[in-house]
Amino acid sequence: MQAMATQQSLMHSTFSVKRTYPSSPARVFAAFANPETKRRWFVEGEGWEIDEFSMDFRVGGRE
């Protein structure tokens, strides 16, 4: 008996998240670019223990 090969397909997709802030684009951009501000928005929370937070706000950077 020969084993039949199975063929699987893979589809990559994208998605977008749209948010509206009651502030100027410059203020929102500055908040995302500032590590302390972004940490307060996205990382800190009551009762949360944070081991590490770092970000590189450059094209191709990481968080």
N, C-alpha and C. Protein backbone atom coordinates (compact mmCIF):
# COMPACT_ATOMS: atom_id res chain seq x y z
N MET A 1 0.84 -1.19 0.00
CA MET A 1 0.00 0.00 0.00
C MET A 1 0.87 1.24 0.00
N GLN A 2 0.44 2.20 -0.74
CA GLN A 2 1.15 3.47 -0.75
C GLN A 2 0.40 4.48 0.10
N ALA A 3 1.17 5.26 0.84
CA ALA A 3 0.56 6.32 1.63
C ALA A 3 0.17 7.47 0.72
N MET A 4 -1.00 7.99 0.90
CA MET A 4 -1.45 9.12 0.09
C MET A 4 -0.95 10.42 0.72
N ALA A 5 -0.38 11.25 -0.09
CA ALA A 5 0.08 12.56 0.39
C ALA A 5 -1.12 13.49 0.50
N THR A 6 -1.17 14.21 1.60
CA THR A 6 -2.23 15.20 1.74
C THR A 6 -1.66 16.58 1.48
N GLN A 7 -2.43 17.37 0.83
CA GLN A 7 -1.98 18.71 0.51
C GLN A 7 -2.79 19.69 1.34
N GLN A 8 -2.08 20.57 2.02
CA GLN A 8 -2.75 21.58 2.83
C GLN A 8 -2.47 22.94 2.22
N SER A 9 -3.45 23.79 2.30
CA SER A 9 -3.24 25.15 1.80
C SER A 9 -3.15 26.10 2.98
N LEU A 10 -2.48 27.20 2.76
CA LEU A 10 -2.28 28.19 3.80
C LEU A 10 -2.62 29.55 3.22
N MET A 11 -3.43 30.30 3.92
CA MET A 11 -3.80 31.62 3.45
C MET A 11 -3.40 32.64 4.50
N HIS A 12 -2.62 33.63 4.10
CA HIS A 12 -2.25 34.71 5.01
C HIS A 12 -3.21 35.87 4.78
N SER A 13 -3.62 36.48 5.86
CA SER A 13 -4.53 37.60 5.77
C SER A 13 -4.04 38.74 6.65
N THR A 14 -4.66 39.85 6.52
CA THR A 14 -4.34 41.00 7.37
C THR A 14 -5.63 41.52 7.99
N PHE A 15 -5.46 42.32 9.01
CA PHE A 15 -6.61 42.99 9.60
C PHE A 15 -6.16 44.37 10.06
N SER A 16 -7.11 45.22 10.26
CA SER A 16 -6.83 46.59 10.70
C SER A 16 -7.62 46.88 11.96
N VAL A 17 -7.04 47.67 12.81
CA VAL A 17 -7.73 48.16 14.01
C VAL A 17 -7.78 49.67 13.86
N LYS A 18 -8.96 50.21 13.92
CA LYS A 18 -9.12 51.65 13.77
C LYS A 18 -9.64 52.21 15.09
N ARG A 19 -8.95 53.21 15.59
CA ARG A 19 -9.36 53.85 16.83
C ARG A 19 -9.43 55.36 16.62
N THR A 20 -10.32 55.97 17.32
CA THR A 20 -10.45 57.42 17.29
C THR A 20 -10.19 57.94 18.69
N TYR A 21 -9.26 58.86 18.81
CA TYR A 21 -8.92 59.45 20.11
C TYR A 21 -9.35 60.91 20.13
N PRO A 22 -9.84 61.39 21.26
CA PRO A 22 -10.27 62.78 21.35
C PRO A 22 -9.08 63.72 21.57
N SER A 23 -8.03 63.53 20.81
CA SER A 23 -6.81 64.33 20.91
C SER A 23 -6.25 64.54 19.51
N SER A 24 -5.32 65.46 19.42
CA SER A 24 -4.70 65.72 18.12
C SER A 24 -3.83 64.54 17.71
N PRO A 25 -3.64 64.33 16.40
CA PRO A 25 -2.75 63.26 15.95
C PRO A 25 -1.34 63.39 16.53
N ALA A 26 -0.84 64.60 16.67
CA ALA A 26 0.50 64.79 17.22
C ALA A 26 0.58 64.31 18.67
N ARG A 27 -0.46 64.56 19.44
CA ARG A 27 -0.45 64.12 20.85
C ARG A 27 -0.55 62.60 20.95
N VAL A 28 -1.37 62.00 20.12
CA VAL A 28 -1.49 60.53 20.13
C VAL A 28 -0.17 59.89 19.69
N PHE A 29 0.44 60.42 18.62
CA PHE A 29 1.72 59.89 18.15
C PHE A 29 2.77 60.00 19.26
N ALA A 30 2.82 61.14 19.93
CA ALA A 30 3.79 61.33 21.02
C ALA A 30 3.56 60.32 22.14
N ALA A 31 2.30 60.03 22.44
CA ALA A 31 2.00 59.06 23.49
C ALA A 31 2.45 57.65 23.10
N PHE A 32 2.28 57.28 21.84
CA PHE A 32 2.75 55.97 21.39
C PHE A 32 4.27 55.92 21.34
N ALA A 33 4.91 57.03 21.06
CA ALA A 33 6.37 57.07 20.92
C ALA A 33 7.10 57.12 22.25
N ASN A 34 6.42 57.57 23.31
CA ASN A 34 7.05 57.73 24.61
C ASN A 34 6.91 56.43 25.41
N PRO A 35 8.02 55.78 25.77
CA PRO A 35 7.94 54.49 26.47
C PRO A 35 7.18 54.54 27.79
N GLU A 36 7.34 55.61 28.57
CA GLU A 36 6.65 55.69 29.86
C GLU A 36 5.14 55.81 29.68
N THR A 37 4.73 56.62 28.72
CA THR A 37 3.30 56.80 28.47
C THR A 37 2.69 55.52 27.91
N LYS A 38 3.35 54.92 26.96
CA LYS A 38 2.82 53.69 26.37
C LYS A 38 2.74 52.58 27.40
N ARG A 39 3.71 52.50 28.26
CA ARG A 39 3.68 51.49 29.33
C ARG A 39 2.44 51.68 30.20
N ARG A 40 2.14 52.93 30.56
CA ARG A 40 0.95 53.19 31.38
C ARG A 40 -0.32 52.79 30.65
N TRP A 41 -0.40 53.04 29.34
CA TRP A 41 -1.59 52.73 28.56
C TRP A 41 -1.78 51.23 28.35
N PHE A 42 -0.71 50.53 28.00
CA PHE A 42 -0.84 49.16 27.51
C PHE A 42 -0.34 48.06 28.44
N VAL A 43 0.46 48.40 29.43
CA VAL A 43 1.10 47.36 30.22
C VAL A 43 0.64 47.36 31.67
N GLU A 44 0.57 48.53 32.26
CA GLU A 44 0.27 48.60 33.69
C GLU A 44 -1.22 48.43 33.96
N GLY A 45 -1.51 47.86 35.11
CA GLY A 45 -2.89 47.71 35.54
C GLY A 45 -2.90 47.34 37.01
N GLU A 46 -3.99 47.63 37.65
CA GLU A 46 -4.10 47.34 39.07
C GLU A 46 -3.93 45.85 39.34
N GLY A 47 -2.99 45.52 40.19
CA GLY A 47 -2.73 44.14 40.55
C GLY A 47 -1.85 43.39 39.56
N TRP A 48 -1.36 44.05 38.53
CA TRP A 48 -0.50 43.39 37.54
C TRP A 48 0.94 43.45 37.99
N GLU A 49 1.66 42.38 37.75
CA GLU A 49 3.10 42.35 38.01
C GLU A 49 3.81 42.35 36.66
N ILE A 50 4.65 43.34 36.45
CA ILE A 50 5.33 43.50 35.16
C ILE A 50 6.78 43.08 35.32
N ASP A 51 7.17 42.04 34.60
CA ASP A 51 8.55 41.56 34.66
C ASP A 51 9.47 42.42 33.80
N GLU A 52 8.96 42.84 32.63
CA GLU A 52 9.80 43.59 31.71
C GLU A 52 8.93 44.32 30.70
N PHE A 53 9.35 45.50 30.31
CA PHE A 53 8.72 46.22 29.20
C PHE A 53 9.80 46.97 28.47
N SER A 54 9.88 46.78 27.17
CA SER A 54 10.82 47.53 26.35
C SER A 54 10.16 47.77 25.00
N MET A 55 10.58 48.84 24.36
CA MET A 55 10.06 49.12 23.03
C MET A 55 11.10 49.87 22.22
N ASP A 56 11.04 49.66 20.93
CA ASP A 56 11.92 50.32 19.97
C ASP A 56 11.02 50.96 18.94
N PHE A 57 10.76 52.25 19.10
CA PHE A 57 9.78 52.95 18.26
C PHE A 57 10.44 53.47 16.98
N ARG A 58 10.94 52.53 16.22
CA ARG A 58 11.51 52.84 14.91
C ARG A 58 10.88 51.89 13.90
N VAL A 59 10.99 52.23 12.63
CA VAL A 59 10.50 51.32 11.60
C VAL A 59 11.20 49.99 11.78
N GLY A 60 10.42 48.92 11.90
CA GLY A 60 10.98 47.60 12.12
C GLY A 60 11.29 47.31 13.58
N GLY A 61 11.01 48.27 14.47
CA GLY A 61 11.29 48.08 15.90
C GLY A 61 10.36 47.07 16.53
N ARG A 62 10.61 46.77 17.79
CA ARG A 62 9.83 45.75 18.50
C ARG A 62 9.39 46.25 19.86
N GLU A 63 8.43 45.53 20.41
CA GLU A 63 8.01 45.76 21.79
C GLU A 63 8.15 44.48 22.54
